[in-house]
Amino acid sequence: MAEKTSESPVRIIGSRELHQNLPGILRELENDKVRYVLTVHGKPRAVLIGAEPYLSMIIDGKRSSEALVGLQLTALLGGDMGAVALDDLERALDKRGD
């Protein structure tokens, strides 16, 4: 199955694995803490999130887990971590925000 650490809600998955395991992945996306980063040829292309968790996220505003996913994507894409707003860094490190 997709890469995942016990610390992170983010799983990195290739397009081939997405096609092979779509029903299971859709079930996992019902969990509001699970996110998938879809890669094509090893490059991040999309973030998959369940519909209900997405609605909660946009209604409630960005939570610490969403800030963490943003930081992880910035790193995966080779972005400038120095350009990340201090508020986002604080949110990503705040475990009480979830």
PDB file of N, CA and C in Angstrom:
ATOM      1  N   MET A   1       0.850  -1.191   0.000  1.00  0.00           N
ATOM      2  CA  MET A   1       0.000   0.000   0.000  1.00  0.00           C
ATOM      3  C   MET A   1       0.881   1.235   0.000  1.00  0.00           C
ATOM      4  N   ALA A   2       0.318   2.411   0.043  1.00  0.00           N
ATOM      5  CA  ALA A   2       1.039   3.670  -0.062  1.00  0.00           C
ATOM      6  C   ALA A   2       1.961   3.897   1.124  1.00  0.00           C
ATOM      7  N   GLU A   3       2.999   4.728   0.867  1.00  0.00           N
ATOM      8  CA  GLU A   3       3.917   5.110   1.934  1.00  0.00           C
ATOM      9  C   GLU A   3       3.164   5.882   3.005  1.00  0.00           C
ATOM     10  N   LYS A   4       3.483   5.601   4.277  1.00  0.00           N
ATOM     11  CA  LYS A   4       2.881   6.347   5.364  1.00  0.00           C
ATOM     12  C   LYS A   4       3.731   6.156   6.598  1.00  0.00           C
ATOM     13  N   THR A   5       3.932   7.237   7.337  1.00  0.00           N
ATOM     14  CA  THR A   5       4.605   7.114   8.620  1.00  0.00           C
ATOM     15  C   THR A   5       3.552   7.195   9.702  1.00  0.00           C
ATOM     16  N   SER A   6       3.877   6.702  10.890  1.00  0.00           N
ATOM     17  CA  SER A   6       2.906   6.742  11.983  1.00  0.00           C
ATOM     18  C   SER A   6       2.639   8.171  12.439  1.00  0.00           C
ATOM     19  N   GLU A   7       3.562   9.088  12.161  1.00  0.00           N
ATOM     20  CA  GLU A   7       3.425  10.475  12.587  1.00  0.00           C
ATOM     21  C   GLU A   7       2.581  11.312  11.627  1.00  0.00           C
ATOM     22  N   SER A   8       2.521  10.918  10.379  1.00  0.00           N
ATOM     23  CA  SER A   8       1.927  11.766   9.357  1.00  0.00           C
ATOM     24  C   SER A   8       0.627  11.181   8.806  1.00  0.00           C
ATOM     25  N   PRO A   9      -0.364  12.061   8.583  1.00  0.00           N
ATOM     26  CA  PRO A   9      -1.601  11.599   7.950  1.00  0.00           C
ATOM     27  C   PRO A   9      -1.475  11.515   6.428  1.00  0.00           C
ATOM     28  N   VAL A  10      -0.301  11.861   5.903  1.00  0.00           N
ATOM     29  CA  VAL A  10      -0.104  11.932   4.461  1.00  0.00           C
ATOM     30  C   VAL A  10       0.476  10.631   3.932  1.00  0.00           C
ATOM     31  N   ARG A  11      -0.140  10.132   2.885  1.00  0.00           N
ATOM     32  CA  ARG A  11       0.356   8.943   2.198  1.00  0.00           C
ATOM     33  C   ARG A  11       0.722   9.353   0.782  1.00  0.00           C
ATOM     34  N   ILE A  12       1.867   8.912   0.323  1.00  0.00           N
ATOM     35  CA  ILE A  12       2.295   9.224  -1.036  1.00  0.00           C
ATOM     36  C   ILE A  12       1.987   8.019  -1.897  1.00  0.00           C
ATOM     37  N   ILE A  13       1.297   8.269  -3.009  1.00  0.00           N
ATOM     38  CA  ILE A  13       0.823   7.167  -3.847  1.00  0.00           C
ATOM     39  C   ILE A  13       1.032   7.525  -5.320  1.00  0.00           C
ATOM     40  N   GLY A  14       1.448   6.536  -6.083  1.00  0.00           N
ATOM     41  CA  GLY A  14       1.612   6.726  -7.520  1.00  0.00           C
ATOM     42  C   GLY A  14       0.304   6.502  -8.257  1.00  0.00           C
ATOM     43  N   SER A  15       0.250   6.980  -9.474  1.00  0.00           N
ATOM     44  CA  SER A  15      -0.990   6.871 -10.248  1.00  0.00           C
ATOM     45  C   SER A  15      -1.367   5.410 -10.513  1.00  0.00           C
ATOM     46  N   ARG A  16      -0.390   4.544 -10.719  1.00  0.00           N
ATOM     47  CA  ARG A  16      -0.686   3.132 -10.959  1.00  0.00           C
ATOM     48  C   ARG A  16      -1.330   2.504  -9.719  1.00  0.00           C
ATOM     49  N   GLU A  17      -0.768   2.787  -8.542  1.00  0.00           N
ATOM     50  CA  GLU A  17      -1.338   2.245  -7.308  1.00  0.00           C
ATOM     51  C   GLU A  17      -2.731   2.805  -7.055  1.00  0.00           C
ATOM     52  N   LEU A  18      -2.959   4.059  -7.400  1.00  0.00           N
ATOM     53  CA  LEU A  18      -4.289   4.653  -7.259  1.00  0.00           C
ATOM     54  C   LEU A  18      -5.309   3.852  -8.063  1.00  0.00           C
ATOM     55  N   HIS A  19      -4.983   3.535  -9.304  1.00  0.00           N
ATOM     56  CA  HIS A  19      -5.903   2.771 -10.159  1.00  0.00           C
ATOM     57  C   HIS A  19      -6.140   1.369  -9.612  1.00  0.00           C
ATOM     58  N   GLN A  20      -5.094   0.743  -9.096  1.00  0.00           N
ATOM     59  CA  GLN A  20      -5.206  -0.630  -8.607  1.00  0.00           C
ATOM     60  C   GLN A  20      -5.984  -0.719  -7.302  1.00  0.00           C
ATOM     61  N   ASN A  21      -5.900   0.307  -6.467  1.00  0.00           N
ATOM     62  CA  ASN A  21      -6.465   0.246  -5.115  1.00  0.00           C
ATOM     63  C   ASN A  21      -7.538   1.298  -4.846  1.00  0.00           C
ATOM     64  N   LEU A  22      -8.187   1.771  -5.874  1.00  0.00           N
ATOM     65  CA  LEU A  22      -9.133   2.864  -5.720  1.00  0.00           C
ATOM     66  C   LEU A  22     -10.225   2.626  -4.669  1.00  0.00           C
ATOM     67  N   PRO A  23     -10.901   1.480  -4.626  1.00  0.00           N
ATOM     68  CA  PRO A  23     -11.949   1.299  -3.609  1.00  0.00           C
ATOM     69  C   PRO A  23     -11.420   1.438  -2.179  1.00  0.00           C
ATOM     70  N   GLY A  24     -10.265   0.849  -1.897  1.00  0.00           N
ATOM     71  CA  GLY A  24      -9.682   0.945  -0.557  1.00  0.00           C
ATOM     72  C   GLY A  24      -9.246   2.358  -0.222  1.00  0.00           C
ATOM     73  N   ILE A  25      -8.699   3.038  -1.196  1.00  0.00           N
ATOM     74  CA  ILE A  25      -8.263   4.420  -0.983  1.00  0.00           C
ATOM     75  C   ILE A  25      -9.463   5.311  -0.699  1.00  0.00           C
ATOM     76  N   LEU A  26     -10.549   5.115  -1.434  1.00  0.00           N
ATOM     77  CA  LEU A  26     -11.757   5.907  -1.192  1.00  0.00           C
ATOM     78  C   LEU A  26     -12.311   5.664   0.211  1.00  0.00           C
ATOM     79  N   ARG A  27     -12.242   4.413   0.670  1.00  0.00           N
ATOM     80  CA  ARG A  27     -12.667   4.118   2.052  1.00  0.00           C
ATOM     81  C   ARG A  27     -11.787   4.844   3.052  1.00  0.00           C
ATOM     82  N   GLU A  28     -10.474   4.815   2.827  1.00  0.00           N
ATOM     83  CA  GLU A  28      -9.549   5.484   3.748  1.00  0.00           C
ATOM     84  C   GLU A  28      -9.772   6.987   3.785  1.00  0.00           C
ATOM     85  N   LEU A  29     -10.180   7.562   2.665  1.00  0.00           N
ATOM     86  CA  LEU A  29     -10.388   9.013   2.608  1.00  0.00           C
ATOM     87  C   LEU A  29     -11.599   9.468   3.418  1.00  0.00           C
ATOM     88  N   GLU A  30     -12.404   8.527   3.897  1.00  0.00           N
ATOM     89  CA  GLU A  30     -13.497   8.892   4.791  1.00  0.00           C
ATOM     90  C   GLU A  30     -12.963   9.343   6.148  1.00  0.00           C
ATOM     91  N   ASN A  31     -11.757   8.899   6.495  1.00  0.00           N
ATOM     92  CA  ASN A  31     -11.097   9.321   7.737  1.00  0.00           C
ATOM     93  C   ASN A  31     -10.616  10.759   7.544  1.00  0.00           C
ATOM     94  N   ASP A  32     -11.005  11.655   8.443  1.00  0.00           N
ATOM     95  CA  ASP A  32     -10.681  13.068   8.253  1.00  0.00           C
ATOM     96  C   ASP A  32      -9.205  13.386   8.438  1.00  0.00           C
ATOM     97  N   LYS A  33      -8.414  12.441   8.887  1.00  0.00           N
ATOM     98  CA  LYS A  33      -6.983  12.694   9.059  1.00  0.00           C
ATOM     99  C   LYS A  33      -6.144  12.186   7.887  1.00  0.00           C
ATOM    100  N   VAL A  34      -6.730  11.448   6.965  1.00  0.00           N
ATOM    101  CA  VAL A  34      -5.977  10.837   5.868  1.00  0.00           C
ATOM    102  C   VAL A  34      -5.923  11.779   4.668  1.00  0.00           C
ATOM    103  N   ARG A  35      -4.730  11.907   4.114  1.00  0.00           N
ATOM    104  CA  ARG A  35      -4.514  12.649   2.874  1.00  0.00           C
ATOM    105  C   ARG A  35      -3.603  11.813   1.999  1.00  0.00           C
ATOM    106  N   TYR A  36      -3.809  11.849   0.715  1.00  0.00           N
ATOM    107  CA  TYR A  36      -2.920  11.209  -0.241  1.00  0.00           C
ATOM    108  C   TYR A  36      -2.295  12.283  -1.108  1.00  0.00           C
ATOM    109  N   VAL A  37      -1.014  12.145  -1.366  1.00  0.00           N
ATOM    110  CA  VAL A  37      -0.349  12.966  -2.368  1.00  0.00           C
ATOM    111  C   VAL A  37      -0.157  12.049  -3.567  1.00  0.00           C
ATOM    112  N   LEU A  38      -0.817  12.378  -4.655  1.00  0.00           N
ATOM    113  CA  LEU A  38      -0.741  11.592  -5.878  1.00  0.00           C
ATOM    114  C   LEU A  38       0.475  12.050  -6.670  1.00  0.00           C
ATOM    115  N   THR A  39       1.332  11.096  -7.024  1.00  0.00           N
ATOM    116  CA  THR A  39       2.516  11.430  -7.809  1.00  0.00           C
ATOM    117  C   THR A  39       2.421  10.806  -9.192  1.00  0.00           C
ATOM    118  N   VAL A  40       3.021  11.466 -10.151  1.00  0.00           N
ATOM    119  CA  VAL A  40       3.155  10.941 -11.503  1.00  0.00           C
ATOM    120  C   VAL A  40       4.644  11.042 -11.837  1.00  0.00           C
ATOM    121  N   HIS A  41       5.248   9.907 -12.101  1.00  0.00           N
ATOM    122  CA  HIS A  41       6.692   9.830 -12.339  1.00  0.00           C
ATOM    123  C   HIS A  41       7.467  10.426 -11.174  1.00  0.00           C
ATOM    124  N   GLY A  42       6.967  10.182  -9.948  1.00  0.00           N
ATOM    125  CA  GLY A  42       7.657  10.625  -8.740  1.00  0.00           C
ATOM    126  C   GLY A  42       7.471  12.082  -8.369  1.00  0.00           C
ATOM    127  N   LYS A  43       6.704  12.823  -9.143  1.00  0.00           N
ATOM    128  CA  LYS A  43       6.473  14.248  -8.868  1.00  0.00           C
ATOM    129  C   LYS A  43       5.062  14.444  -8.330  1.00  0.00           C
ATOM    130  N   PRO A  44       4.901  15.190  -7.228  1.00  0.00           N
ATOM    131  CA  PRO A  44       3.555  15.442  -6.688  1.00  0.00           C
ATOM    132  C   PRO A  44       2.686  16.168  -7.706  1.00  0.00           C
ATOM    133  N   ARG A  45       1.453  15.651  -7.900  1.00  0.00           N
ATOM    134  CA  ARG A  45       0.521  16.252  -8.868  1.00  0.00           C
ATOM    135  C   ARG A  45      -0.784  16.697  -8.230  1.00  0.00           C
ATOM    136  N   ALA A  46      -1.192  16.023  -7.143  1.00  0.00           N
ATOM    137  CA  ALA A  46      -2.488  16.358  -6.542  1.00  0.00           C
ATOM    138  C   ALA A  46      -2.520  15.868  -5.101  1.00  0.00           C
ATOM    139  N   VAL A  47      -3.415  16.473  -4.332  1.00  0.00           N
ATOM    140  CA  VAL A  47      -3.684  16.019  -2.972  1.00  0.00           C
ATOM    141  C   VAL A  47      -5.108  15.498  -2.950  1.00  0.00           C
ATOM    142  N   LEU A  48      -5.278  14.287  -2.442  1.00  0.00           N
ATOM    143  CA  LEU A  48      -6.605  13.682  -2.347  1.00  0.00           C
ATOM    144  C   LEU A  48      -7.071  13.776  -0.903  1.00  0.00           C
ATOM    145  N   ILE A  49      -8.302  14.222  -0.732  1.00  0.00           N
ATOM    146  CA  ILE A  49      -8.912  14.361   0.586  1.00  0.00           C
ATOM    147  C   ILE A  49     -10.375  13.968   0.426  1.00  0.00           C
ATOM    148  N   GLY A  50     -10.947  13.359   1.447  1.00  0.00           N
ATOM    149  CA  GLY A  50     -12.350  12.969   1.385  1.00  0.00           C
ATOM    150  C   GLY A  50     -13.268  14.184   1.303  1.00  0.00           C
ATOM    151  N   ALA A  51     -14.476  13.978   0.795  1.00  0.00           N
ATOM    152  CA  ALA A  51     -15.424  15.081   0.611  1.00  0.00           C
ATOM    153  C   ALA A  51     -15.838  15.714   1.941  1.00  0.00           C
ATOM    154  N   GLU A  52     -16.206  14.893   2.922  1.00  0.00           N
ATOM    155  CA  GLU A  52     -16.616  15.458   4.211  1.00  0.00           C
ATOM    156  C   GLU A  52     -15.467  16.149   4.930  1.00  0.00           C
ATOM    157  N   PRO A  53     -14.265  15.534   4.982  1.00  0.00           N
ATOM    158  CA  PRO A  53     -13.149  16.253   5.588  1.00  0.00           C
ATOM    159  C   PRO A  53     -12.846  17.575   4.871  1.00  0.00           C
ATOM    160  N   TYR A  54     -13.000  17.588   3.543  1.00  0.00           N
ATOM    161  CA  TYR A  54     -12.769  18.816   2.789  1.00  0.00           C
ATOM    162  C   TYR A  54     -13.763  19.898   3.206  1.00  0.00           C
ATOM    163  N   LEU A  55     -15.033  19.536   3.295  1.00  0.00           N
ATOM    164  CA  LEU A  55     -16.041  20.519   3.709  1.00  0.00           C
ATOM    165  C   LEU A  55     -15.754  21.046   5.108  1.00  0.00           C
ATOM    166  N   SER A  56     -15.375  20.163   6.014  1.00  0.00           N
ATOM    167  CA  SER A  56     -15.027  20.600   7.368  1.00  0.00           C
ATOM    168  C   SER A  56     -13.845  21.554   7.343  1.00  0.00           C
ATOM    169  N   MET A  57     -12.869  21.243   6.518  1.00  0.00           N
ATOM    170  CA  MET A  57     -11.669  22.067   6.435  1.00  0.00           C
ATOM    171  C   MET A  57     -11.995  23.471   5.952  1.00  0.00           C
ATOM    172  N   ILE A  58     -12.824  23.588   4.912  1.00  0.00           N
ATOM    173  CA  ILE A  58     -13.094  24.921   4.388  1.00  0.00           C
ATOM    174  C   ILE A  58     -14.069  25.696   5.268  1.00  0.00           C
ATOM    175  N   ILE A  59     -14.934  24.995   5.980  1.00  0.00           N
ATOM    176  CA  ILE A  59     -15.865  25.677   6.878  1.00  0.00           C
ATOM    177  C   ILE A  59     -15.145  26.158   8.133  1.00  0.00           C
ATOM    178  N   ASP A  60     -14.280  25.296   8.695  1.00  0.00           N
ATOM    179  CA  ASP A  60     -13.589  25.606   9.944  1.00  0.00           C
ATOM    180  C   ASP A  60     -12.337  26.445   9.760  1.00  0.00           C
ATOM    181  N   GLY A  61     -11.844  26.575   8.562  1.00  0.00           N
ATOM    182  CA  GLY A  61     -10.566  27.241   8.356  1.00  0.00           C
ATOM    183  C   GLY A  61      -9.447  26.220   8.426  1.00  0.00           C
ATOM    184  N   LYS A  62      -8.250  26.668   8.148  1.00  0.00           N
ATOM    185  CA  LYS A  62      -7.117  25.748   8.088  1.00  0.00           C
ATOM    186  C   LYS A  62      -6.711  25.291   9.481  1.00  0.00           C
ATOM    187  N   ARG A  63      -6.689  23.973   9.693  1.00  0.00           N
ATOM    188  CA  ARG A  63      -6.286  23.387  10.967  1.00  0.00           C
ATOM    189  C   ARG A  63      -4.802  23.058  10.919  1.00  0.00           C
ATOM    190  N   SER A  64      -4.262  22.659  12.071  1.00  0.00           N
ATOM    191  CA  SER A  64      -2.831  22.372  12.128  1.00  0.00           C
ATOM    192  C   SER A  64      -2.445  21.237  11.177  1.00  0.00           C
ATOM    193  N   SER A  65      -3.292  20.216  11.040  1.00  0.00           N
ATOM    194  CA  SER A  65      -2.930  19.112  10.143  1.00  0.00           C
ATOM    195  C   SER A  65      -2.874  19.589   8.691  1.00  0.00           C
ATOM    196  N   GLU A  66      -3.721  20.534   8.317  1.00  0.00           N
ATOM    197  CA  GLU A  66      -3.702  21.070   6.955  1.00  0.00           C
ATOM    198  C   GLU A  66      -2.456  21.916   6.734  1.00  0.00           C
ATOM    199  N   ALA A  67      -2.054  22.666   7.749  1.00  0.00           N
ATOM    200  CA  ALA A  67      -0.823  23.449   7.644  1.00  0.00           C
ATOM    201  C   ALA A  67       0.375  22.514   7.486  1.00  0.00           C
ATOM    202  N   LEU A  68       0.363  21.391   8.208  1.00  0.00           N
ATOM    203  CA  LEU A  68       1.445  20.414   8.104  1.00  0.00           C
ATOM    204  C   LEU A  68       1.491  19.807   6.710  1.00  0.00           C
ATOM    205  N   VAL A  69       0.345  19.462   6.158  1.00  0.00           N
ATOM    206  CA  VAL A  69       0.299  18.925   4.797  1.00  0.00           C
ATOM    207  C   VAL A  69       0.869  19.954   3.820  1.00  0.00           C
ATOM    208  N   GLY A  70       0.531  21.210   4.023  1.00  0.00           N
ATOM    209  CA  GLY A  70       1.064  22.273   3.166  1.00  0.00           C
ATOM    210  C   GLY A  70       2.578  22.361   3.240  1.00  0.00           C
ATOM    211  N   LEU A  71       3.123  22.243   4.436  1.00  0.00           N
ATOM    212  CA  LEU A  71       4.575  22.269   4.593  1.00  0.00           C
ATOM    213  C   LEU A  71       5.230  21.062   3.934  1.00  0.00           C
ATOM    214  N   GLN A  72       4.610  19.893   4.098  1.00  0.00           N
ATOM    215  CA  GLN A  72       5.159  18.688   3.485  1.00  0.00           C
ATOM    216  C   GLN A  72       5.144  18.799   1.958  1.00  0.00           C
ATOM    217  N   LEU A  73       4.071  19.343   1.413  1.00  0.00           N
ATOM    218  CA  LEU A  73       4.003  19.519  -0.040  1.00  0.00           C
ATOM    219  C   LEU A  73       5.044  20.521  -0.512  1.00  0.00           C
ATOM    220  N   THR A  74       5.237  21.587   0.235  1.00  0.00           N
ATOM    221  CA  THR A  74       6.250  22.574  -0.124  1.00  0.00           C
ATOM    222  C   THR A  74       7.615  21.902  -0.211  1.00  0.00           C
ATOM    223  N   ALA A  75       7.914  21.058   0.786  1.00  0.00           N
ATOM    224  CA  ALA A  75       9.193  20.348   0.785  1.00  0.00           C
ATOM    225  C   ALA A  75       9.281  19.370  -0.382  1.00  0.00           C
ATOM    226  N   LEU A  76       8.212  18.606  -0.638  1.00  0.00           N
ATOM    227  CA  LEU A  76       8.217  17.639  -1.744  1.00  0.00           C
ATOM    228  C   LEU A  76       8.410  18.314  -3.096  1.00  0.00           C
ATOM    229  N   LEU A  77       7.830  19.483  -3.235  1.00  0.00           N
ATOM    230  CA  LEU A  77       7.917  20.201  -4.503  1.00  0.00           C
ATOM    231  C   LEU A  77       9.204  21.011  -4.626  1.00  0.00           C
ATOM    232  N   GLY A  78      10.041  20.949  -3.573  1.00  0.00           N
ATOM    233  CA  GLY A  78      11.306  21.679  -3.610  1.00  0.00           C
ATOM    234  C   GLY A  78      11.126  23.171  -3.419  1.00  0.00           C
ATOM    235  N   GLY A  79      10.034  23.551  -2.756  1.00  0.00           N
ATOM    236  CA  GLY A  79       9.756  24.970  -2.532  1.00  0.00           C
ATOM    237  C   GLY A  79      10.660  25.571  -1.480  1.00  0.00           C
ATOM    238  N   ASP A  80      10.620  26.869  -1.388  1.00  0.00           N
ATOM    239  CA  ASP A  80      11.425  27.617  -0.433  1.00  0.00           C
ATOM    240  C   ASP A  80      10.730  27.615   0.923  1.00  0.00           C
ATOM    241  N   MET A  81      11.252  26.811   1.855  1.00  0.00           N
ATOM    242  CA  MET A  81      10.645  26.719   3.187  1.00  0.00           C
ATOM    243  C   MET A  81      10.772  28.042   3.938  1.00  0.00           C
ATOM    244  N   GLY A  82      11.733  28.867   3.557  1.00  0.00           N
ATOM    245  CA  GLY A  82      11.888  30.172   4.183  1.00  0.00           C
ATOM    246  C   GLY A  82      10.758  31.127   3.825  1.00  0.00           C
ATOM    247  N   ALA A  83      10.030  30.812   2.757  1.00  0.00           N
ATOM    248  CA  ALA A  83       8.933  31.673   2.314  1.00  0.00           C
ATOM    249  C   ALA A  83       7.604  31.322   2.988  1.00  0.00           C
ATOM    250  N   VAL A  84       7.607  30.272   3.826  1.00  0.00           N
ATOM    251  CA  VAL A  84       6.383  29.849   4.498  1.00  0.00           C
ATOM    252  C   VAL A  84       6.080  30.829   5.631  1.00  0.00           C
ATOM    253  N   ALA A  85       4.840  31.263   5.698  1.00  0.00           N
ATOM    254  CA  ALA A  85       4.437  32.241   6.720  1.00  0.00           C
ATOM    255  C   ALA A  85       4.603  31.668   8.126  1.00  0.00           C
ATOM    256  N   LEU A  86       5.020  32.502   9.057  1.00  0.00           N
ATOM    257  CA  LEU A  86       5.213  32.082  10.440  1.00  0.00           C
ATOM    258  C   LEU A  86       3.918  31.519  11.021  1.00  0.00           C
ATOM    259  N   ASP A  87       2.772  32.096  10.686  1.00  0.00           N
ATOM    260  CA  ASP A  87       1.482  31.591  11.173  1.00  0.00           C
ATOM    261  C   ASP A  87       1.261  30.140  10.736  1.00  0.00           C
ATOM    262  N   ASP A  88       1.639  29.827   9.490  1.00  0.00           N
ATOM    263  CA  ASP A  88       1.482  28.455   8.995  1.00  0.00           C
ATOM    264  C   ASP A  88       2.410  27.499   9.729  1.00  0.00           C
ATOM    265  N   LEU A  89       3.637  27.944   9.998  1.00  0.00           N
ATOM    266  CA  LEU A  89       4.568  27.102  10.754  1.00  0.00           C
ATOM    267  C   LEU A  89       4.042  26.830  12.157  1.00  0.00           C
ATOM    268  N   GLU A  90       3.537  27.859  12.805  1.00  0.00           N
ATOM    269  CA  GLU A  90       2.989  27.701  14.166  1.00  0.00           C
ATOM    270  C   GLU A  90       1.796  26.767  14.152  1.00  0.00           C
ATOM    271  N   ARG A  91       0.898  26.914  13.173  1.00  0.00           N
ATOM    272  CA  ARG A  91      -0.262  26.046  13.059  1.00  0.00           C
ATOM    273  C   ARG A  91       0.147  24.596  12.833  1.00  0.00           C
ATOM    274  N   ALA A  92       1.170  24.394  12.001  1.00  0.00           N
ATOM    275  CA  ALA A  92       1.632  23.040  11.699  1.00  0.00           C
ATOM    276  C   ALA A  92       2.210  22.352  12.924  1.00  0.00           C
ATOM    277  N   LEU A  93       2.783  23.132  13.816  1.00  0.00           N
ATOM    278  CA  LEU A  93       3.404  22.566  15.012  1.00  0.00           C
ATOM    279  C   LEU A  93       2.462  22.489  16.188  1.00  0.00           C
ATOM    280  N   ASP A  94       1.283  23.076  16.080  1.00  0.00           N
ATOM    281  CA  ASP A  94       0.315  23.104  17.168  1.00  0.00           C
ATOM    282  C   ASP A  94      -0.547  21.847  17.128  1.00  0.00           C
ATOM    283  N   LYS A  95      -0.266  20.896  18.012  1.00  0.00           N
ATOM    284  CA  LYS A  95      -1.026  19.627  18.035  1.00  0.00           C
ATOM    285  C   LYS A  95      -2.425  19.819  18.592  1.00  0.00           C
ATOM    286  N   ARG A  96      -2.686  20.918  19.276  1.00  0.00           N
ATOM    287  CA  ARG A  96      -4.025  21.138  19.854  1.00  0.00           C
ATOM    288  C   ARG A  96      -5.028  21.584  18.808  1.00  0.00           C
ATOM    289  N   GLY A  97      -4.577  21.979  17.623  1.00  0.00           N
ATOM    290  CA  GLY A  97      -5.473  22.551  16.624  1.00  0.00           C
ATOM    291  C   GLY A  97      -6.375  21.546  15.933  1.00  0.00           C
ATOM    292  N   ASP A  98      -6.213  20.238  16.184  1.00  0.00           N
ATOM    293  CA  ASP A  98      -7.038  19.241  15.484  1.00  0.00           C
ATOM    294  C   ASP A  98      -8.135  18.715  16.321  1.00  0.00           C
TER     295      ASP A  98
END
